[in-house]
Amino acid sequence: EKKAFENVKAYIDNLDDYLKVDDSVYSTRLDCC
């Protein structure tokens, strides 16, 4: 789903950092998913 991924990535990239978990937490969460 390349186009959907690009849209989701753009959305995430535009989020303020204070709203996001750090990269290691994000990776761990995605591994669970």
PDB file of all heavy atoms in Angstrom:
ATOM      1  N   GLU A   1       0.844  -1.195   0.000  1.00  0.00           N
ATOM      2  CA  GLU A   1       0.000   0.000   0.000  1.00  0.00           C
ATOM      3  C   GLU A   1       0.880   1.247   0.000  1.00  0.00           C
ATOM      4  O   GLU A   1       0.871   2.048   0.927  1.00  0.00           O
ATOM      5  CB  GLU A   1      -0.921  -0.011   1.232  1.00  0.00           C
ATOM      6  CG  GLU A   1      -1.804  -1.230   1.328  1.00  0.00           C
ATOM      7  CD  GLU A   1      -2.901  -1.242   0.292  1.00  0.00           C
ATOM      8  OE1 GLU A   1      -3.222  -0.174  -0.270  1.00  0.00           O
ATOM      9  OE2 GLU A   1      -3.436  -2.326   0.034  1.00  0.00           O
ATOM     10  N   LYS A   2       1.649   1.419  -1.062  1.00  0.00           N
ATOM     11  CA  LYS A   2       2.651   2.491  -1.106  1.00  0.00           C
ATOM     12  C   LYS A   2       2.038   3.888  -0.987  1.00  0.00           C
ATOM     13  O   LYS A   2       2.521   4.712  -0.217  1.00  0.00           O
ATOM     14  CB  LYS A   2       3.462   2.386  -2.394  1.00  0.00           C
ATOM     15  CG  LYS A   2       4.589   3.377  -2.466  1.00  0.00           C
ATOM     16  CD  LYS A   2       5.427   3.218  -3.703  1.00  0.00           C
ATOM     17  CE  LYS A   2       6.523   4.253  -3.715  1.00  0.00           C
ATOM     18  NZ  LYS A   2       7.349   4.176  -4.910  1.00  0.00           N
ATOM     19  N   LYS A   3       0.975   4.167  -1.723  1.00  0.00           N
ATOM     20  CA  LYS A   3       0.373   5.504  -1.687  1.00  0.00           C
ATOM     21  C   LYS A   3      -0.213   5.804  -0.302  1.00  0.00           C
ATOM     22  O   LYS A   3      -0.019   6.895   0.238  1.00  0.00           O
ATOM     23  CB  LYS A   3      -0.706   5.633  -2.768  1.00  0.00           C
ATOM     24  CG  LYS A   3      -1.274   7.019  -2.869  1.00  0.00           C
ATOM     25  CD  LYS A   3      -0.226   8.021  -3.298  1.00  0.00           C
ATOM     26  CE  LYS A   3      -0.835   9.391  -3.478  1.00  0.00           C
ATOM     27  NZ  LYS A   3       0.148  10.427  -3.643  1.00  0.00           N
ATOM     28  N   ALA A   4      -0.905   4.840   0.273  1.00  0.00           N
ATOM     29  CA  ALA A   4      -1.462   5.036   1.620  1.00  0.00           C
ATOM     30  C   ALA A   4      -0.330   5.246   2.621  1.00  0.00           C
ATOM     31  O   ALA A   4      -0.422   6.105   3.500  1.00  0.00           O
ATOM     32  CB  ALA A   4      -2.327   3.844   2.029  1.00  0.00           C
ATOM     33  N   PHE A   5       0.756   4.482   2.484  1.00  0.00           N
ATOM     34  CA  PHE A   5       1.899   4.642   3.377  1.00  0.00           C
ATOM     35  C   PHE A   5       2.488   6.037   3.258  1.00  0.00           C
ATOM     36  O   PHE A   5       2.814   6.668   4.266  1.00  0.00           O
ATOM     37  CB  PHE A   5       2.977   3.596   3.083  1.00  0.00           C
ATOM     38  CG  PHE A   5       4.238   3.834   3.865  1.00  0.00           C
ATOM     39  CD1 PHE A   5       4.307   3.499   5.202  1.00  0.00           C
ATOM     40  CD2 PHE A   5       5.355   4.397   3.270  1.00  0.00           C
ATOM     41  CE1 PHE A   5       5.463   3.737   5.944  1.00  0.00           C
ATOM     42  CE2 PHE A   5       6.509   4.628   3.988  1.00  0.00           C
ATOM     43  CZ  PHE A   5       6.563   4.300   5.330  1.00  0.00           C
ATOM     44  N   GLU A   6       2.625   6.535   2.039  1.00  0.00           N
ATOM     45  CA  GLU A   6       3.176   7.879   1.840  1.00  0.00           C
ATOM     46  C   GLU A   6       2.305   8.933   2.526  1.00  0.00           C
ATOM     47  O   GLU A   6       2.822   9.874   3.133  1.00  0.00           O
ATOM     48  CB  GLU A   6       3.314   8.177   0.349  1.00  0.00           C
ATOM     49  CG  GLU A   6       4.413   7.374  -0.320  1.00  0.00           C
ATOM     50  CD  GLU A   6       4.400   7.483  -1.836  1.00  0.00           C
ATOM     51  OE1 GLU A   6       3.511   8.157  -2.404  1.00  0.00           O
ATOM     52  OE2 GLU A   6       5.295   6.869  -2.449  1.00  0.00           O
ATOM     53  N   ASN A   7       0.993   8.784   2.442  1.00  0.00           N
ATOM     54  CA  ASN A   7       0.085   9.731   3.099  1.00  0.00           C
ATOM     55  C   ASN A   7       0.205   9.650   4.619  1.00  0.00           C
ATOM     56  O   ASN A   7       0.233  10.676   5.303  1.00  0.00           O
ATOM     57  CB  ASN A   7      -1.359   9.470   2.673  1.00  0.00           C
ATOM     58  CG  ASN A   7      -1.621   9.852   1.232  1.00  0.00           C
ATOM     59  OD1 ASN A   7      -0.936  10.697   0.672  1.00  0.00           O
ATOM     60  ND2 ASN A   7      -2.605   9.214   0.630  1.00  0.00           N
ATOM     61  N   VAL A   8       0.270   8.442   5.140  1.00  0.00           N
ATOM     62  CA  VAL A   8       0.405   8.254   6.588  1.00  0.00           C
ATOM     63  C   VAL A   8       1.742   8.804   7.065  1.00  0.00           C
ATOM     64  O   VAL A   8       1.818   9.483   8.089  1.00  0.00           O
ATOM     65  CB  VAL A   8       0.235   6.763   6.962  1.00  0.00           C
ATOM     66  CG1 VAL A   8       0.705   6.486   8.378  1.00  0.00           C
ATOM     67  CG2 VAL A   8      -1.223   6.354   6.791  1.00  0.00           C
ATOM     68  N   LYS A   9       2.810   8.526   6.319  1.00  0.00           N
ATOM     69  CA  LYS A   9       4.140   9.023   6.693  1.00  0.00           C
ATOM     70  C   LYS A   9       4.152  10.557   6.699  1.00  0.00           C
ATOM     71  O   LYS A   9       4.706  11.169   7.620  1.00  0.00           O
ATOM     72  CB  LYS A   9       5.213   8.486   5.764  1.00  0.00           C
ATOM     73  CG  LYS A   9       6.611   8.935   6.171  1.00  0.00           C
ATOM     74  CD  LYS A   9       7.669   8.243   5.379  1.00  0.00           C
ATOM     75  CE  LYS A   9       9.077   8.638   5.719  1.00  0.00           C
ATOM     76  NZ  LYS A   9       9.323   9.793   6.525  1.00  0.00           N
ATOM     77  N   ALA A  10       3.545  11.176   5.702  1.00  0.00           N
ATOM     78  CA  ALA A  10       3.483  12.642   5.651  1.00  0.00           C
ATOM     79  C   ALA A  10       2.716  13.189   6.859  1.00  0.00           C
ATOM     80  O   ALA A  10       3.121  14.189   7.452  1.00  0.00           O
ATOM     81  CB  ALA A  10       2.825  13.100   4.356  1.00  0.00           C
ATOM     82  N   TYR A  11       1.640  12.526   7.225  1.00  0.00           N
ATOM     83  CA  TYR A  11       0.869  12.942   8.405  1.00  0.00           C
ATOM     84  C   TYR A  11       1.721  12.858   9.664  1.00  0.00           C
ATOM     85  O   TYR A  11       1.774  13.801  10.455  1.00  0.00           O
ATOM     86  CB  TYR A  11      -0.381  12.070   8.532  1.00  0.00           C
ATOM     87  CG  TYR A  11      -1.178  12.349   9.773  1.00  0.00           C
ATOM     88  CD1 TYR A  11      -2.073  13.414   9.816  1.00  0.00           C
ATOM     89  CD2 TYR A  11      -1.032  11.566  10.913  1.00  0.00           C
ATOM     90  CE1 TYR A  11      -2.798  13.684  10.968  1.00  0.00           C
ATOM     91  CE2 TYR A  11      -1.751  11.826  12.068  1.00  0.00           C
ATOM     92  CZ  TYR A  11      -2.627  12.885  12.082  1.00  0.00           C
ATOM     93  OH  TYR A  11      -3.334  13.153  13.223  1.00  0.00           O
ATOM     94  N   ILE A  12       2.405  11.730   9.842  1.00  0.00           N
ATOM     95  CA  ILE A  12       3.255  11.532  11.018  1.00  0.00           C
ATOM     96  C   ILE A  12       4.391  12.549  11.050  1.00  0.00           C
ATOM     97  O   ILE A  12       4.692  13.120  12.092  1.00  0.00           O
ATOM     98  CB  ILE A  12       3.798  10.090  11.056  1.00  0.00           C
ATOM     99  CG1 ILE A  12       2.653   9.111  11.366  1.00  0.00           C
ATOM    100  CG2 ILE A  12       4.914   9.939  12.085  1.00  0.00           C
ATOM    101  CD1 ILE A  12       3.010   7.649  11.184  1.00  0.00           C
ATOM    102  N   ASP A  13       5.008  12.791   9.908  1.00  0.00           N
ATOM    103  CA  ASP A  13       6.112  13.750   9.833  1.00  0.00           C
ATOM    104  C   ASP A  13       5.679  15.164  10.215  1.00  0.00           C
ATOM    105  O   ASP A  13       6.495  15.954  10.690  1.00  0.00           O
ATOM    106  CB  ASP A  13       6.725  13.762   8.432  1.00  0.00           C
ATOM    107  CG  ASP A  13       7.510  12.503   8.112  1.00  0.00           C
ATOM    108  OD1 ASP A  13       7.823  11.725   9.043  1.00  0.00           O
ATOM    109  OD2 ASP A  13       7.800  12.276   6.922  1.00  0.00           O
ATOM    110  N   ASN A  14       4.414  15.475  10.017  1.00  0.00           N
ATOM    111  CA  ASN A  14       3.909  16.810  10.338  1.00  0.00           C
ATOM    112  C   ASN A  14       3.390  16.953  11.763  1.00  0.00           C
ATOM    113  O   ASN A  14       3.030  18.056  12.175  1.00  0.00           O
ATOM    114  CB  ASN A  14       2.815  17.215   9.341  1.00  0.00           C
ATOM    115  CG  ASN A  14       3.404  17.614   8.011  1.00  0.00           C
ATOM    116  OD1 ASN A  14       4.310  18.432   7.949  1.00  0.00           O
ATOM    117  ND2 ASN A  14       2.904  17.023   6.947  1.00  0.00           N
ATOM    118  N   LEU A  15       3.366  15.867  12.513  1.00  0.00           N
ATOM    119  CA  LEU A  15       2.957  15.948  13.917  1.00  0.00           C
ATOM    120  C   LEU A  15       4.048  16.619  14.752  1.00  0.00           C
ATOM    121  O   LEU A  15       5.241  16.437  14.481  1.00  0.00           O
ATOM    122  CB  LEU A  15       2.723  14.546  14.486  1.00  0.00           C
ATOM    123  CG  LEU A  15       1.499  13.791  14.006  1.00  0.00           C
ATOM    124  CD1 LEU A  15       1.547  12.354  14.511  1.00  0.00           C
ATOM    125  CD2 LEU A  15       0.226  14.473  14.489  1.00  0.00           C
ATOM    126  N   ASP A  16       3.654  17.385  15.740  1.00  0.00           N
ATOM    127  CA  ASP A  16       4.623  17.967  16.665  1.00  0.00           C
ATOM    128  C   ASP A  16       5.306  16.852  17.444  1.00  0.00           C
ATOM    129  O   ASP A  16       4.663  15.868  17.838  1.00  0.00           O
ATOM    130  CB  ASP A  16       3.932  18.920  17.641  1.00  0.00           C
ATOM    131  CG  ASP A  16       3.473  20.199  16.975  1.00  0.00           C
ATOM    132  OD1 ASP A  16       4.132  20.646  16.014  1.00  0.00           O
ATOM    133  OD2 ASP A  16       2.451  20.760  17.412  1.00  0.00           O
ATOM    134  N   ASP A  17       6.607  17.011  17.674  1.00  0.00           N
ATOM    135  CA  ASP A  17       7.387  15.980  18.354  1.00  0.00           C
ATOM    136  C   ASP A  17       6.863  15.661  19.753  1.00  0.00           C
ATOM    137  O   ASP A  17       6.962  14.519  20.200  1.00  0.00           O
ATOM    138  CB  ASP A  17       8.864  16.376  18.436  1.00  0.00           C
ATOM    139  CG  ASP A  17       9.566  16.257  17.093  1.00  0.00           C
ATOM    140  OD1 ASP A  17       9.064  15.523  16.220  1.00  0.00           O
ATOM    141  OD2 ASP A  17      10.616  16.896  16.926  1.00  0.00           O
ATOM    142  N   TYR A  18       6.301  16.639  20.440  1.00  0.00           N
ATOM    143  CA  TYR A  18       5.833  16.380  21.798  1.00  0.00           C
ATOM    144  C   TYR A  18       4.640  15.418  21.827  1.00  0.00           C
ATOM    145  O   TYR A  18       4.314  14.863  22.872  1.00  0.00           O
ATOM    146  CB  TYR A  18       5.503  17.684  22.534  1.00  0.00           C
ATOM    147  CG  TYR A  18       4.247  18.383  22.071  1.00  0.00           C
ATOM    148  CD1 TYR A  18       3.013  18.068  22.645  1.00  0.00           C
ATOM    149  CD2 TYR A  18       4.287  19.352  21.095  1.00  0.00           C
ATOM    150  CE1 TYR A  18       1.854  18.707  22.230  1.00  0.00           C
ATOM    151  CE2 TYR A  18       3.130  19.995  20.671  1.00  0.00           C
ATOM    152  CZ  TYR A  18       1.920  19.669  21.237  1.00  0.00           C
ATOM    153  OH  TYR A  18       0.784  20.300  20.824  1.00  0.00           O
ATOM    154  N   LEU A  19       4.010  15.197  20.687  1.00  0.00           N
ATOM    155  CA  LEU A  19       2.890  14.262  20.606  1.00  0.00           C
ATOM    156  C   LEU A  19       3.339  12.822  20.348  1.00  0.00           C
ATOM    157  O   LEU A  19       2.563  11.891  20.546  1.00  0.00           O
ATOM    158  CB  LEU A  19       1.935  14.676  19.476  1.00  0.00           C
ATOM    159  CG  LEU A  19       1.257  16.031  19.611  1.00  0.00           C
ATOM    160  CD1 LEU A  19       0.500  16.372  18.336  1.00  0.00           C
ATOM    161  CD2 LEU A  19       0.323  16.033  20.807  1.00  0.00           C
ATOM    162  N   LYS A  20       4.594  12.680  19.904  1.00  0.00           N
ATOM    163  CA  LYS A  20       5.063  11.377  19.435  1.00  0.00           C
ATOM    164  C   LYS A  20       5.977  10.681  20.447  1.00  0.00           C
ATOM    165  O   LYS A  20       6.700  11.332  21.194  1.00  0.00           O
ATOM    166  CB  LYS A  20       5.842  11.539  18.122  1.00  0.00           C
ATOM    167  CG  LYS A  20       4.998  12.117  16.997  1.00  0.00           C
ATOM    168  CD  LYS A  20       5.694  12.077  15.654  1.00  0.00           C
ATOM    169  CE  LYS A  20       6.749  13.138  15.504  1.00  0.00           C
ATOM    170  NZ  LYS A  20       7.291  13.200  14.131  1.00  0.00           N
ATOM    171  N   VAL A  21       5.920   9.351  20.419  1.00  0.00           N
ATOM    172  CA  VAL A  21       6.853   8.545  21.211  1.00  0.00           C
ATOM    173  C   VAL A  21       8.205   8.546  20.508  1.00  0.00           C
ATOM    174  O   VAL A  21       8.302   8.888  19.328  1.00  0.00           O
ATOM    175  CB  VAL A  21       6.332   7.098  21.389  1.00  0.00           C
ATOM    176  CG1 VAL A  21       5.033   7.078  22.165  1.00  0.00           C
ATOM    177  CG2 VAL A  21       6.179   6.395  20.059  1.00  0.00           C
ATOM    178  N   ASP A  22       9.251   8.149  21.229  1.00  0.00           N
ATOM    179  CA  ASP A  22      10.559   8.090  20.574  1.00  0.00           C
ATOM    180  C   ASP A  22      10.612   6.882  19.630  1.00  0.00           C
ATOM    181  O   ASP A  22       9.750   6.006  19.654  1.00  0.00           O
ATOM    182  CB  ASP A  22      11.701   8.080  21.589  1.00  0.00           C
ATOM    183  CG  ASP A  22      11.728   6.853  22.469  1.00  0.00           C
ATOM    184  OD1 ASP A  22      11.588   5.729  21.958  1.00  0.00           O
ATOM    185  OD2 ASP A  22      11.894   7.014  23.690  1.00  0.00           O
ATOM    186  N   ASP A  23      11.640   6.849  18.805  1.00  0.00           N
ATOM    187  CA  ASP A  23      11.745   5.835  17.752  1.00  0.00           C
ATOM    188  C   ASP A  23      11.768   4.404  18.286  1.00  0.00           C
ATOM    189  O   ASP A  23      11.194   3.509  17.671  1.00  0.00           O
ATOM    190  CB  ASP A  23      12.985   6.073  16.895  1.00  0.00           C
ATOM    191  CG  ASP A  23      12.856   7.301  16.006  1.00  0.00           C
ATOM    192  OD1 ASP A  23      11.716   7.773  15.783  1.00  0.00           O
ATOM    193  OD2 ASP A  23      13.899   7.795  15.531  1.00  0.00           O
ATOM    194  N   SER A  24      12.405   4.183  19.426  1.00  0.00           N
ATOM    195  CA  SER A  24      12.477   2.820  19.959  1.00  0.00           C
ATOM    196  C   SER A  24      11.108   2.338  20.450  1.00  0.00           C
ATOM    197  O   SER A  24      10.742   1.181  20.239  1.00  0.00           O
ATOM    198  CB  SER A  24      13.529   2.710  21.065  1.00  0.00           C
ATOM    199  OG  SER A  24      13.155   3.464  22.192  1.00  0.00           O
ATOM    200  N   VAL A  25      10.351   3.213  21.071  1.00  0.00           N
ATOM    201  CA  VAL A  25       8.992   2.858  21.517  1.00  0.00           C
ATOM    202  C   VAL A  25       8.109   2.608  20.297  1.00  0.00           C
ATOM    203  O   VAL A  25       7.340   1.639  20.250  1.00  0.00           O
ATOM    204  CB  VAL A  25       8.389   3.961  22.419  1.00  0.00           C
ATOM    205  CG1 VAL A  25       6.922   3.689  22.715  1.00  0.00           C
ATOM    206  CG2 VAL A  25       9.188   4.092  23.699  1.00  0.00           C
ATOM    207  N   TYR A  26       8.222   3.465  19.304  1.00  0.00           N
ATOM    208  CA  TYR A  26       7.449   3.319  18.069  1.00  0.00           C
ATOM    209  C   TYR A  26       7.742   1.965  17.415  1.00  0.00           C
ATOM    210  O   TYR A  26       6.811   1.230  17.048  1.00  0.00           O
ATOM    211  CB  TYR A  26       7.782   4.472  17.128  1.00  0.00           C
ATOM    212  CG  TYR A  26       6.993   4.502  15.841  1.00  0.00           C
ATOM    213  CD1 TYR A  26       5.608   4.539  15.842  1.00  0.00           C
ATOM    214  CD2 TYR A  26       7.649   4.528  14.621  1.00  0.00           C
ATOM    215  CE1 TYR A  26       4.890   4.596  14.662  1.00  0.00           C
ATOM    216  CE2 TYR A  26       6.942   4.590  13.431  1.00  0.00           C
ATOM    217  CZ  TYR A  26       5.565   4.621  13.459  1.00  0.00           C
ATOM    218  OH  TYR A  26       4.861   4.673  12.277  1.00  0.00           O
ATOM    219  N   SER A  27       8.999   1.627  17.315  1.00  0.00           N
ATOM    220  CA  SER A  27       9.394   0.360  16.713  1.00  0.00           C
ATOM    221  C   SER A  27       8.851  -0.836  17.504  1.00  0.00           C
ATOM    222  O   SER A  27       8.342  -1.799  16.928  1.00  0.00           O
ATOM    223  CB  SER A  27      10.919   0.295  16.627  1.00  0.00           C
ATOM    224  OG  SER A  27      11.328  -0.931  16.097  1.00  0.00           O
ATOM    225  N   THR A  28       8.936  -0.760  18.829  1.00  0.00           N
ATOM    226  CA  THR A  28       8.423  -1.832  19.686  1.00  0.00           C
ATOM    227  C   THR A  28       6.913  -1.981  19.518  1.00  0.00           C
ATOM    228  O   THR A  28       6.398  -3.098  19.413  1.00  0.00           O
ATOM    229  CB  THR A  28       8.764  -1.546  21.166  1.00  0.00           C
ATOM    230  OG1 THR A  28      10.187  -1.484  21.302  1.00  0.00           O
ATOM    231  CG2 THR A  28       8.205  -2.617  22.080  1.00  0.00           C
ATOM    232  N   ARG A  29       6.210  -0.862  19.475  1.00  0.00           N
ATOM    233  CA  ARG A  29       4.761  -0.908  19.289  1.00  0.00           C
ATOM    234  C   ARG A  29       4.398  -1.540  17.938  1.00  0.00           C
ATOM    235  O   ARG A  29       3.508  -2.378  17.856  1.00  0.00           O
ATOM    236  CB  ARG A  29       4.163   0.501  19.376  1.00  0.00           C
ATOM    237  CG  ARG A  29       4.125   1.055  20.781  1.00  0.00           C
ATOM    238  CD  ARG A  29       3.546   2.445  20.772  1.00  0.00           C
ATOM    239  NE  ARG A  29       3.309   2.944  22.121  1.00  0.00           N
ATOM    240  CZ  ARG A  29       2.665   4.069  22.387  1.00  0.00           C
ATOM    241  NH1 ARG A  29       2.194   4.821  21.395  1.00  0.00           N
ATOM    242  NH2 ARG A  29       2.482   4.448  23.628  1.00  0.00           N
ATOM    243  N   LEU A  30       5.102  -1.122  16.885  1.00  0.00           N
ATOM    244  CA  LEU A  30       4.809  -1.682  15.564  1.00  0.00           C
ATOM    245  C   LEU A  30       5.122  -3.175  15.503  1.00  0.00           C
ATOM    246  O   LEU A  30       4.395  -3.929  14.849  1.00  0.00           O
ATOM    247  CB  LEU A  30       5.574  -0.932  14.474  1.00  0.00           C
ATOM    248  CG  LEU A  30       5.098   0.486  14.192  1.00  0.00           C
ATOM    249  CD1 LEU A  30       5.946   1.111  13.089  1.00  0.00           C
ATOM    250  CD2 LEU A  30       3.627   0.527  13.820  1.00  0.00           C
ATOM    251  N   ASP A  31       6.175  -3.599  16.192  1.00  0.00           N
ATOM    252  CA  ASP A  31       6.478  -5.031  16.249  1.00  0.00           C
ATOM    253  C   ASP A  31       5.324  -5.800  16.881  1.00  0.00           C
ATOM    254  O   ASP A  31       4.969  -6.886  16.429  1.00  0.00           O
ATOM    255  CB  ASP A  31       7.770  -5.294  17.022  1.00  0.00           C
ATOM    256  CG  ASP A  31       9.017  -4.916  16.251  1.00  0.00           C
ATOM    257  OD1 ASP A  31       8.934  -4.752  15.007  1.00  0.00           O
ATOM    258  OD2 ASP A  31      10.075  -4.773  16.892  1.00  0.00           O
ATOM    259  N   CYS A  32       4.729  -5.235  17.924  1.00  0.00           N
ATOM    260  CA  CYS A  32       3.563  -5.864  18.560  1.00  0.00           C
ATOM    261  C   CYS A  32       2.384  -5.907  17.591  1.00  0.00           C
ATOM    262  O   CYS A  32       1.696  -6.927  17.487  1.00  0.00           O
ATOM    263  CB  CYS A  32       3.156  -5.099  19.814  1.00  0.00           C
ATOM    264  SG  CYS A  32       4.322  -5.225  21.176  1.00  0.00           S
ATOM    265  N   CYS A  33       2.158  -4.822  16.893  1.00  0.00           N
ATOM    266  CA  CYS A  33       1.051  -4.765  15.937  1.00  0.00           C
ATOM    267  C   CYS A  33       1.234  -5.803  14.824  1.00  0.00           C
ATOM    268  O   CYS A  33       0.262  -6.448  14.406  1.00  0.00           O
ATOM    269  CB  CYS A  33       0.932  -3.371  15.325  1.00  0.00           C
ATOM    270  SG  CYS A  33       0.393  -2.093  16.479  1.00  0.00           S
TER     271      CYS A  33
END
